[in-house]
Amino acid sequence: MIRTVLAVSAIAIGITAVAAQSDPIAQRRELMKGIGGQTKTGAAMAKGEAAYDQAKAQAIFASYSDAAAKAPNLFPDNSKTGGDTAALPAIWENKADFTARFTKLGEDAKAAASAVKDGDSFKTTFAAITKNCGGCHEKYRAKKN
């Protein structure tokens, strides 16, 4: 009985994972949620609410770089609606600009990873990088109610 329950649970988890992988809206939401967590950590360090940590700073920049590489492919034409997406039609109307913004985020994150050596340089660099995020959200993401 226990083996049957475990087998059914494993199959259900596997099906859920496959479904999420084939659902670009779910993938991009998960990717952005991860970036949000990293941004929260970075904001706390930049504001002095948390101690500066070089390893965390590097992890933040690496996650931004990774997301910048993955995100443009998570907005195929068949994902304009559904899945409680906050993506605005402007993404598909201005795909080149949208993709260029992710390219800039990735480039800025890579540069920051090698340039940031302390809390002061982190504050300045982190503020500049998060402007990339804000600019894209302003133009391409629906406002939350």
N, C-alpha and C. Protein backbone atom coordinates (compact mmCIF):
# COMPACT_ATOMS: atom_id res chain seq x y z
N MET A 1 0.83 -1.20 0.00
CA MET A 1 0.00 0.00 0.00
C MET A 1 0.87 1.25 0.00
N ILE A 2 1.87 1.26 0.88
CA ILE A 2 2.74 2.44 0.96
C ILE A 2 3.49 2.62 -0.36
N ARG A 3 3.94 1.51 -0.96
CA ARG A 3 4.65 1.61 -2.24
C ARG A 3 3.75 2.19 -3.32
N THR A 4 2.49 1.80 -3.32
CA THR A 4 1.54 2.32 -4.30
C THR A 4 1.36 3.82 -4.12
N VAL A 5 1.20 4.26 -2.89
CA VAL A 5 1.04 5.69 -2.60
C VAL A 5 2.28 6.46 -3.01
N LEU A 6 3.46 5.91 -2.69
CA LEU A 6 4.70 6.58 -3.08
C LEU A 6 4.85 6.64 -4.59
N ALA A 7 4.51 5.56 -5.26
CA ALA A 7 4.60 5.52 -6.72
C ALA A 7 3.64 6.53 -7.35
N VAL A 8 2.42 6.59 -6.87
CA VAL A 8 1.44 7.55 -7.39
C VAL A 8 1.91 8.98 -7.11
N SER A 9 2.45 9.22 -5.93
CA SER A 9 2.96 10.56 -5.58
C SER A 9 4.11 10.95 -6.50
N ALA A 10 5.03 10.02 -6.74
CA ALA A 10 6.17 10.30 -7.61
C ALA A 10 5.71 10.61 -9.03
N ILE A 11 4.73 9.87 -9.51
CA ILE A 11 4.20 10.11 -10.85
C ILE A 11 3.53 11.48 -10.91
N ALA A 12 2.76 11.82 -9.89
CA ALA A 12 2.08 13.12 -9.86
C ALA A 12 3.08 14.27 -9.84
N ILE A 13 4.13 14.11 -9.05
CA ILE A 13 5.17 15.15 -8.99
C ILE A 13 5.84 15.27 -10.35
N GLY A 14 6.13 14.14 -10.98
CA GLY A 14 6.76 14.15 -12.29
C GLY A 14 5.89 14.82 -13.34
N ILE A 15 4.61 14.52 -13.32
CA ILE A 15 3.68 15.14 -14.27
C ILE A 15 3.61 16.64 -14.04
N THR A 16 3.57 17.05 -12.79
CA THR A 16 3.54 18.48 -12.46
C THR A 16 4.79 19.17 -12.96
N ALA A 17 5.94 18.54 -12.77
CA ALA A 17 7.20 19.13 -13.22
C ALA A 17 7.24 19.25 -14.74
N VAL A 18 6.79 18.22 -15.44
CA VAL A 18 6.76 18.26 -16.90
C VAL A 18 5.79 19.34 -17.38
N ALA A 19 4.64 19.44 -16.74
CA ALA A 19 3.66 20.46 -17.12
C ALA A 19 4.24 21.85 -16.93
N ALA A 20 4.93 22.07 -15.83
CA ALA A 20 5.53 23.39 -15.58
C ALA A 20 6.60 23.70 -16.61
N GLN A 21 7.38 22.68 -17.02
CA GLN A 21 8.42 22.89 -18.01
C GLN A 21 7.84 23.23 -19.37
N SER A 22 6.66 22.74 -19.67
CA SER A 22 6.06 23.03 -20.96
C SER A 22 5.15 24.26 -20.91
N ASP A 23 5.08 24.91 -19.78
CA ASP A 23 4.25 26.09 -19.60
C ASP A 23 5.15 27.31 -19.42
N PRO A 24 5.36 28.08 -20.48
CA PRO A 24 6.28 29.22 -20.37
C PRO A 24 5.82 30.27 -19.37
N ILE A 25 4.51 30.40 -19.17
CA ILE A 25 4.04 31.38 -18.19
C ILE A 25 4.46 30.95 -16.79
N ALA A 26 4.28 29.68 -16.47
CA ALA A 26 4.70 29.17 -15.16
C ALA A 26 6.21 29.28 -14.99
N GLN A 27 6.95 28.99 -16.05
CA GLN A 27 8.40 29.08 -15.99
C GLN A 27 8.87 30.51 -15.74
N ARG A 28 8.29 31.45 -16.46
CA ARG A 28 8.73 32.83 -16.28
C ARG A 28 8.30 33.39 -14.94
N ARG A 29 7.15 32.97 -14.45
CA ARG A 29 6.73 33.41 -13.11
C ARG A 29 7.70 32.89 -12.06
N GLU A 30 8.11 31.64 -12.19
CA GLU A 30 9.06 31.04 -11.26
C GLU A 30 10.42 31.74 -11.35
N LEU A 31 10.86 32.01 -12.58
CA LEU A 31 12.12 32.71 -12.79
C LEU A 31 12.08 34.09 -12.14
N MET A 32 11.01 34.82 -12.37
CA MET A 32 10.88 36.17 -11.81
C MET A 32 10.74 36.14 -10.29
N LYS A 33 10.10 35.12 -9.77
CA LYS A 33 9.99 34.98 -8.32
C LYS A 33 11.39 34.81 -7.71
N GLY A 34 12.22 34.04 -8.36
CA GLY A 34 13.60 33.88 -7.90
C GLY A 34 14.37 35.19 -7.94
N ILE A 35 14.19 35.94 -9.00
CA ILE A 35 14.84 37.24 -9.12
C ILE A 35 14.34 38.19 -8.04
N GLY A 36 13.04 38.12 -7.76
CA GLY A 36 12.47 38.95 -6.70
C GLY A 36 13.11 38.65 -5.35
N GLY A 37 13.34 37.39 -5.08
CA GLY A 37 14.00 37.01 -3.83
C GLY A 37 15.42 37.54 -3.76
N GLN A 38 16.13 37.44 -4.88
CA GLN A 38 17.50 37.96 -4.92
C GLN A 38 17.50 39.49 -4.76
N THR A 39 16.53 40.13 -5.39
CA THR A 39 16.45 41.59 -5.30
C THR A 39 16.14 42.01 -3.87
N LYS A 40 15.31 41.27 -3.19
CA LYS A 40 15.00 41.57 -1.79
C LYS A 40 16.27 41.48 -0.92
N THR A 41 17.06 40.46 -1.16
CA THR A 41 18.32 40.31 -0.43
C THR A 41 19.26 41.48 -0.75
N GLY A 42 19.36 41.81 -2.02
CA GLY A 42 20.23 42.91 -2.43
C GLY A 42 19.78 44.25 -1.88
N ALA A 43 18.47 44.48 -1.88
CA ALA A 43 17.94 45.73 -1.35
C ALA A 43 18.25 45.88 0.14
N ALA A 44 18.14 44.79 0.86
CA ALA A 44 18.45 44.84 2.30
C ALA A 44 19.92 45.18 2.51
N MET A 45 20.80 44.62 1.69
CA MET A 45 22.23 44.94 1.82
C MET A 45 22.49 46.39 1.40
N ALA A 46 21.86 46.83 0.32
CA ALA A 46 22.08 48.19 -0.17
C ALA A 46 21.59 49.23 0.82
N LYS A 47 20.51 48.92 1.53
CA LYS A 47 19.95 49.86 2.51
C LYS A 47 20.63 49.77 3.86
N GLY A 48 21.51 48.81 4.04
CA GLY A 48 22.17 48.63 5.33
C GLY A 48 21.32 47.87 6.33
N GLU A 49 20.22 47.29 5.87
CA GLU A 49 19.36 46.50 6.76
C GLU A 49 19.94 45.11 6.99
N ALA A 50 20.83 44.70 6.12
CA ALA A 50 21.56 43.44 6.25
C ALA A 50 23.02 43.74 5.97
N ALA A 51 23.89 42.99 6.59
CA ALA A 51 25.32 43.19 6.38
C ALA A 51 25.69 42.85 4.94
N TYR A 52 26.64 43.60 4.39
CA TYR A 52 27.10 43.29 3.04
C TYR A 52 27.82 41.94 3.07
N ASP A 53 27.53 41.13 2.08
CA ASP A 53 28.12 39.80 1.96
C ASP A 53 28.53 39.62 0.50
N GLN A 54 29.81 39.51 0.25
CA GLN A 54 30.32 39.40 -1.12
C GLN A 54 29.77 38.17 -1.83
N ALA A 55 29.67 37.06 -1.13
CA ALA A 55 29.15 35.84 -1.75
C ALA A 55 27.69 36.03 -2.17
N LYS A 56 26.91 36.69 -1.33
CA LYS A 56 25.51 36.95 -1.68
C LYS A 56 25.42 37.92 -2.86
N ALA A 57 26.29 38.92 -2.87
CA ALA A 57 26.30 39.87 -3.98
C ALA A 57 26.59 39.14 -5.29
N GLN A 58 27.57 38.26 -5.27
CA GLN A 58 27.92 37.50 -6.46
C GLN A 58 26.76 36.59 -6.90
N ALA A 59 26.06 36.01 -5.92
CA ALA A 59 24.91 35.15 -6.23
C ALA A 59 23.79 35.97 -6.87
N ILE A 60 23.60 37.18 -6.40
CA ILE A 60 22.57 38.06 -6.97
C ILE A 60 22.89 38.35 -8.43
N PHE A 61 24.13 38.75 -8.69
CA PHE A 61 24.51 39.09 -10.06
C PHE A 61 24.46 37.86 -10.97
N ALA A 62 24.84 36.70 -10.45
CA ALA A 62 24.77 35.46 -11.24
C ALA A 62 23.32 35.11 -11.57
N SER A 63 22.44 35.29 -10.61
CA SER A 63 21.03 34.97 -10.87
C SER A 63 20.43 35.95 -11.88
N TYR A 64 20.81 37.22 -11.82
CA TYR A 64 20.34 38.19 -12.81
C TYR A 64 20.83 37.81 -14.20
N SER A 65 22.09 37.44 -14.29
CA SER A 65 22.67 37.06 -15.56
C SER A 65 21.98 35.83 -16.13
N ASP A 66 21.74 34.85 -15.28
CA ASP A 66 21.05 33.62 -15.69
C ASP A 66 19.63 33.93 -16.16
N ALA A 67 18.92 34.73 -15.40
CA ALA A 67 17.54 35.09 -15.77
C ALA A 67 17.51 35.87 -17.08
N ALA A 68 18.47 36.75 -17.27
CA ALA A 68 18.52 37.55 -18.49
C ALA A 68 18.72 36.66 -19.72
N ALA A 69 19.45 35.58 -19.55
CA ALA A 69 19.68 34.66 -20.67
C ALA A 69 18.43 33.81 -20.95
N LYS A 70 17.72 33.42 -19.91
CA LYS A 70 16.57 32.53 -20.06
C LYS A 70 15.26 33.24 -20.40
N ALA A 71 15.04 34.40 -19.83
CA ALA A 71 13.74 35.05 -19.89
C ALA A 71 13.20 35.32 -21.30
N PRO A 72 13.99 35.85 -22.23
CA PRO A 72 13.40 36.16 -23.54
C PRO A 72 12.72 34.96 -24.21
N ASN A 73 13.24 33.78 -23.98
CA ASN A 73 12.66 32.58 -24.59
C ASN A 73 11.39 32.11 -23.89
N LEU A 74 11.06 32.72 -22.78
CA LEU A 74 9.86 32.33 -22.03
C LEU A 74 8.64 33.18 -22.39
N PHE A 75 8.74 33.91 -23.49
CA PHE A 75 7.64 34.74 -23.96
C PHE A 75 7.29 34.41 -25.41
N PRO A 76 7.01 33.12 -25.69
CA PRO A 76 6.62 32.78 -27.06
C PRO A 76 5.23 33.35 -27.38
N ASP A 77 4.90 33.39 -28.65
CA ASP A 77 3.62 33.96 -29.08
C ASP A 77 2.41 33.29 -28.44
N ASN A 78 2.53 32.01 -28.11
CA ASN A 78 1.38 31.30 -27.53
C ASN A 78 1.23 31.52 -26.03
N SER A 79 1.98 32.47 -25.47
CA SER A 79 1.88 32.72 -24.03
C SER A 79 1.45 34.14 -23.71
N LYS A 80 0.71 34.74 -24.62
CA LYS A 80 0.26 36.12 -24.43
C LYS A 80 -0.82 36.23 -23.37
N THR A 81 -1.59 35.18 -23.19
CA THR A 81 -2.68 35.19 -22.21
C THR A 81 -2.68 33.88 -21.44
N GLY A 82 -3.45 33.89 -20.37
CA GLY A 82 -3.60 32.69 -19.55
C GLY A 82 -2.61 32.65 -18.42
N GLY A 83 -2.77 31.67 -17.56
CA GLY A 83 -1.82 31.47 -16.47
C GLY A 83 -1.65 32.65 -15.54
N ASP A 84 -2.64 33.52 -15.47
CA ASP A 84 -2.57 34.71 -14.63
C ASP A 84 -1.32 35.54 -14.95
N THR A 85 -1.03 35.66 -16.23
CA THR A 85 0.15 36.41 -16.65
C THR A 85 -0.06 37.92 -16.48
N ALA A 86 1.01 38.59 -16.12
CA ALA A 86 1.00 40.04 -16.01
C ALA A 86 1.69 40.68 -17.22
N ALA A 87 2.08 39.83 -18.17
CA ALA A 87 2.76 40.32 -19.37
C ALA A 87 1.81 41.14 -20.23
N LEU A 88 2.26 42.31 -20.63
CA LEU A 88 1.45 43.18 -21.48
C LEU A 88 1.69 42.86 -22.96
N PRO A 89 0.71 43.13 -23.82
CA PRO A 89 0.87 42.90 -25.25
C PRO A 89 2.08 43.64 -25.84
N ALA A 90 2.51 44.70 -25.20
CA ALA A 90 3.66 45.47 -25.69
C ALA A 90 4.91 44.61 -25.84
N ILE A 91 5.00 43.52 -25.08
CA ILE A 91 6.16 42.63 -25.20
C ILE A 91 6.26 42.11 -26.63
N TRP A 92 5.16 41.62 -27.16
CA TRP A 92 5.16 41.02 -28.48
C TRP A 92 5.14 42.08 -29.59
N GLU A 93 4.68 43.28 -29.26
CA GLU A 93 4.67 44.38 -30.22
C GLU A 93 6.06 45.00 -30.36
N ASN A 94 6.86 44.90 -29.29
CA ASN A 94 8.21 45.50 -29.25
C ASN A 94 9.23 44.45 -28.82
N LYS A 95 9.18 43.30 -29.44
CA LYS A 95 10.00 42.17 -29.01
C LYS A 95 11.50 42.49 -29.03
N ALA A 96 11.96 43.24 -30.00
CA ALA A 96 13.38 43.58 -30.08
C ALA A 96 13.81 44.42 -28.87
N ASP A 97 13.01 45.40 -28.50
CA ASP A 97 13.33 46.22 -27.33
C ASP A 97 13.28 45.38 -26.06
N PHE A 98 12.26 44.55 -25.96
CA PHE A 98 12.10 43.68 -24.79
C PHE A 98 13.32 42.78 -24.62
N THR A 99 13.75 42.15 -25.69
CA THR A 99 14.91 41.27 -25.64
C THR A 99 16.18 42.06 -25.35
N ALA A 100 16.30 43.25 -25.93
CA ALA A 100 17.48 44.09 -25.69
C ALA A 100 17.60 44.49 -24.22
N ARG A 101 16.48 44.67 -23.56
CA ARG A 101 16.51 45.02 -22.14
C ARG A 101 17.08 43.87 -21.31
N PHE A 102 16.73 42.64 -21.68
CA PHE A 102 17.31 41.49 -20.97
C PHE A 102 18.80 41.35 -21.28
N THR A 103 19.18 41.64 -22.51
CA THR A 103 20.59 41.60 -22.88
C THR A 103 21.37 42.60 -22.04
N LYS A 104 20.83 43.80 -21.89
CA LYS A 104 21.49 44.83 -21.08
C LYS A 104 21.58 44.38 -19.62
N LEU A 105 20.52 43.81 -19.08
CA LEU A 105 20.54 43.32 -17.71
C LEU A 105 21.65 42.28 -17.54
N GLY A 106 21.74 41.35 -18.47
CA GLY A 106 22.77 40.32 -18.39
C GLY A 106 24.17 40.91 -18.47
N GLU A 107 24.38 41.84 -19.37
CA GLU A 107 25.69 42.48 -19.51
C GLU A 107 26.04 43.27 -18.25
N ASP A 108 25.08 44.02 -17.73
CA ASP A 108 25.32 44.80 -16.52
C ASP A 108 25.61 43.90 -15.33
N ALA A 109 24.91 42.78 -15.24
CA ALA A 109 25.12 41.85 -14.13
C ALA A 109 26.50 41.22 -14.20
N LYS A 110 26.93 40.86 -15.40
CA LYS A 110 28.28 40.28 -15.57
C LYS A 110 29.34 41.30 -15.21
N ALA A 111 29.17 42.54 -15.64
CA ALA A 111 30.13 43.59 -15.31
C ALA A 111 30.15 43.83 -13.79
N ALA A 112 29.00 43.82 -13.18
CA ALA A 112 28.91 44.05 -11.74
C ALA A 112 29.61 42.94 -10.97
N ALA A 113 29.49 41.72 -11.44
CA ALA A 113 30.12 40.59 -10.75
C ALA A 113 31.62 40.77 -10.63
N SER A 114 32.23 41.38 -11.62
CA SER A 114 33.68 41.59 -11.54
C SER A 114 34.05 42.93 -10.93
N ALA A 115 33.15 43.88 -10.96
CA ALA A 115 33.47 45.22 -10.45
C ALA A 115 33.19 45.41 -8.96
N VAL A 116 32.19 44.75 -8.45
CA VAL A 116 31.79 44.97 -7.06
C VAL A 116 32.74 44.22 -6.11
N LYS A 117 33.32 44.99 -5.19
CA LYS A 117 34.28 44.41 -4.24
C LYS A 117 33.93 44.71 -2.79
N ASP A 118 32.98 45.63 -2.58
CA ASP A 118 32.63 46.03 -1.21
C ASP A 118 31.21 46.58 -1.17
N GLY A 119 30.77 46.91 0.02
CA GLY A 119 29.41 47.40 0.22
C GLY A 119 29.11 48.68 -0.54
N ASP A 120 30.06 49.60 -0.58
CA ASP A 120 29.82 50.87 -1.26
C ASP A 120 29.65 50.68 -2.77
N SER A 121 30.53 49.89 -3.37
CA SER A 121 30.40 49.66 -4.81
C SER A 121 29.15 48.84 -5.11
N PHE A 122 28.76 47.98 -4.18
CA PHE A 122 27.53 47.20 -4.36
C PHE A 122 26.32 48.13 -4.40
N LYS A 123 26.23 49.06 -3.47
CA LYS A 123 25.08 49.96 -3.41
C LYS A 123 24.87 50.69 -4.73
N THR A 124 25.93 51.25 -5.25
CA THR A 124 25.84 52.01 -6.49
C THR A 124 25.47 51.11 -7.66
N THR A 125 26.14 50.00 -7.76
CA THR A 125 25.91 49.08 -8.88
C THR A 125 24.54 48.43 -8.81
N PHE A 126 24.15 48.02 -7.63
CA PHE A 126 22.85 47.37 -7.45
C PHE A 126 21.73 48.33 -7.83
N ALA A 127 21.84 49.58 -7.44
CA ALA A 127 20.81 50.57 -7.79
C ALA A 127 20.70 50.73 -9.30
N ALA A 128 21.83 50.75 -9.99
CA ALA A 128 21.80 50.90 -11.44
C ALA A 128 21.19 49.67 -12.11
N ILE A 129 21.54 48.50 -11.64
CA ILE A 129 21.01 47.27 -12.25
C ILE A 129 19.51 47.15 -12.04
N THR A 130 19.04 47.48 -10.86
CA THR A 130 17.61 47.34 -10.61
C THR A 130 16.78 48.35 -11.40
N LYS A 131 17.43 49.39 -11.90
CA LYS A 131 16.71 50.31 -12.82
C LYS A 131 16.35 49.57 -14.10
N ASN A 132 17.20 48.62 -14.52
CA ASN A 132 16.86 47.78 -15.68
C ASN A 132 15.54 47.07 -15.42
N CYS A 133 15.43 46.48 -14.24
CA CYS A 133 14.21 45.73 -13.88
C CYS A 133 13.00 46.66 -13.87
N GLY A 134 13.15 47.78 -13.20
CA GLY A 134 12.04 48.73 -13.09
C GLY A 134 11.57 49.26 -14.43
N GLY A 135 12.51 49.55 -15.32
CA GLY A 135 12.15 50.06 -16.63
C GLY A 135 11.37 49.04 -17.44
N CYS A 136 11.76 47.80 -17.35
CA CYS A 136 11.05 46.74 -18.08
C CYS A 136 9.66 46.51 -17.48
N HIS A 137 9.59 46.49 -16.16
CA HIS A 137 8.29 46.29 -15.50
C HIS A 137 7.34 47.43 -15.83
N GLU A 138 7.87 48.63 -15.89
CA GLU A 138 7.04 49.80 -16.17
C GLU A 138 6.39 49.71 -17.56
N LYS A 139 7.16 49.21 -18.50
CA LYS A 139 6.69 49.20 -19.89
C LYS A 139 5.99 47.89 -20.29
N TYR A 140 6.38 46.78 -19.66
CA TYR A 140 5.94 45.48 -20.16
C TYR A 140 5.17 44.63 -19.15
N ARG A 141 4.92 45.13 -17.98
CA ARG A 141 4.22 44.33 -16.96
C ARG A 141 3.00 45.09 -16.47
N ALA A 142 1.88 44.39 -16.40
CA ALA A 142 0.64 45.00 -15.92
C ALA A 142 0.78 45.32 -14.44
N LYS A 143 0.23 46.44 -14.05
CA LYS A 143 0.24 46.84 -12.64
C LYS A 143 -0.62 45.90 -11.81
N LYS A 144 -0.14 45.63 -10.62
CA LYS A 144 -0.94 44.80 -9.71
C LYS A 144 -2.06 45.64 -9.13
N ASN A 145 -3.21 45.02 -8.97
CA ASN A 145 -4.36 45.74 -8.41
C ASN A 145 -4.22 45.92 -6.92
